[in-house]
Amino acid sequence: MRTDTAPPSVLIDAKTLARDYLSVSLATVWRMRADGKLPKPIRLTSQCLRWRRSDVESWLNAGFLPIATSDNNKKESVPE
């Protein structure tokens, strides 16, 4: 997980979420969002979603991590 001194109210995009916070592909982030397995994003425009950094970090600290399942090789979010 990313640890820096940016304010917790910073908004992060899907690419940053995938790369810096979850270490998954961008497609996996969109799949997780569609499945309701990510914190609720903020819609800035009809084509622009962002996540609050504080929401993502709270979600990760609560033990929700993307893990590969052996039966279908998809990522899903489950508590530790």
Protein backbone atom coordinates (compact mmCIF):
# COMPACT_ATOMS: atom_id res chain seq x y z
CA MET A 1 0.00 0.00 0.00
CA ARG A 2 1.14 3.50 -0.75
CA THR A 3 2.35 5.51 2.24
CA ASP A 4 3.10 9.18 1.72
CA THR A 5 2.22 12.53 3.21
CA ALA A 6 -0.59 13.52 0.81
CA PRO A 7 -3.71 14.79 2.60
CA PRO A 8 -6.34 12.10 3.22
CA SER A 9 -8.91 14.05 1.20
CA VAL A 10 -6.97 13.51 -2.03
CA LEU A 11 -8.96 11.92 -4.84
CA ILE A 12 -7.34 9.06 -6.73
CA ASP A 13 -8.17 7.72 -10.17
CA ALA A 14 -8.68 4.10 -11.19
CA LYS A 15 -5.18 3.77 -12.65
CA THR A 16 -3.57 4.96 -9.40
CA LEU A 17 -5.89 2.75 -7.36
CA ALA A 18 -4.95 -0.27 -9.46
CA ARG A 19 -1.21 0.38 -9.55
CA ASP A 20 -0.35 1.99 -6.20
CA TYR A 21 -2.94 0.61 -3.80
CA LEU A 22 -4.14 -2.77 -5.07
CA SER A 23 -1.40 -4.04 -7.42
CA VAL A 24 -4.00 -5.27 -9.90
CA SER A 25 -4.85 -4.44 -13.48
CA LEU A 26 -7.08 -1.55 -14.42
CA ALA A 27 -9.64 -4.03 -15.76
CA THR A 28 -9.74 -5.69 -12.35
CA VAL A 29 -10.49 -2.36 -10.67
CA TRP A 30 -13.46 -1.80 -13.02
CA ARG A 31 -14.65 -5.38 -12.45
CA MET A 32 -14.39 -4.96 -8.66
CA ARG A 33 -16.31 -1.69 -8.88
CA ALA A 34 -19.05 -3.31 -10.98
CA ASP A 35 -19.28 -6.14 -8.43
CA GLY A 36 -19.56 -3.66 -5.53
CA LYS A 37 -16.25 -4.76 -4.02
CA LEU A 38 -14.63 -1.33 -3.74
CA PRO A 39 -15.47 1.72 -1.67
CA LYS A 40 -18.03 3.96 -3.35
CA PRO A 41 -16.38 6.32 -5.85
CA ILE A 42 -17.23 9.97 -6.43
CA ARG A 43 -18.59 10.82 -9.88
CA LEU A 44 -17.04 14.11 -11.02
CA THR A 45 -18.56 13.99 -14.51
CA SER A 46 -20.43 11.37 -16.53
CA GLN A 47 -17.07 9.89 -17.59
CA CYS A 48 -14.92 10.60 -14.52
CA LEU A 49 -14.83 8.63 -11.26
CA ARG A 50 -12.46 9.14 -8.36
CA TRP A 51 -12.04 7.50 -4.95
CA ARG A 52 -11.29 9.32 -1.72
CA ARG A 53 -7.85 8.27 -0.57
CA SER A 54 -9.11 8.09 3.01
CA ASP A 55 -11.94 5.71 1.97
CA VAL A 56 -9.52 3.42 0.13
CA GLU A 57 -7.04 3.35 2.99
CA SER A 58 -9.78 2.68 5.55
CA TRP A 59 -11.11 -0.11 3.35
CA LEU A 60 -7.64 -1.67 3.04
CA ASN A 61 -6.93 -1.27 6.76
CA ALA A 62 -10.21 -3.06 7.51
CA GLY A 63 -8.76 -6.11 5.77
CA PHE A 64 -10.39 -5.95 2.36
CA LEU A 65 -7.81 -6.98 -0.20
CA PRO A 66 -8.08 -8.20 -3.78
CA ILE A 67 -7.14 -11.87 -3.95
CA ALA A 68 -7.14 -14.35 -6.82
CA THR A 69 -9.59 -17.19 -6.52
CA SER A 70 -8.42 -20.57 -7.71
CA ASP A 71 -11.69 -21.67 -9.33
CA ASN A 72 -12.22 -18.81 -11.79
CA ASN A 73 -8.96 -16.83 -11.65
CA LYS A 74 -10.86 -13.60 -11.02
CA LYS A 75 -10.02 -11.07 -8.34
CA GLU A 76 -12.40 -10.54 -5.49
CA SER A 77 -12.43 -8.58 -2.29
CA VAL A 78 -12.71 -10.52 0.94
CA PRO A 79 -11.84 -9.73 4.55
CA GLU A 80 -8.67 -11.33 5.90
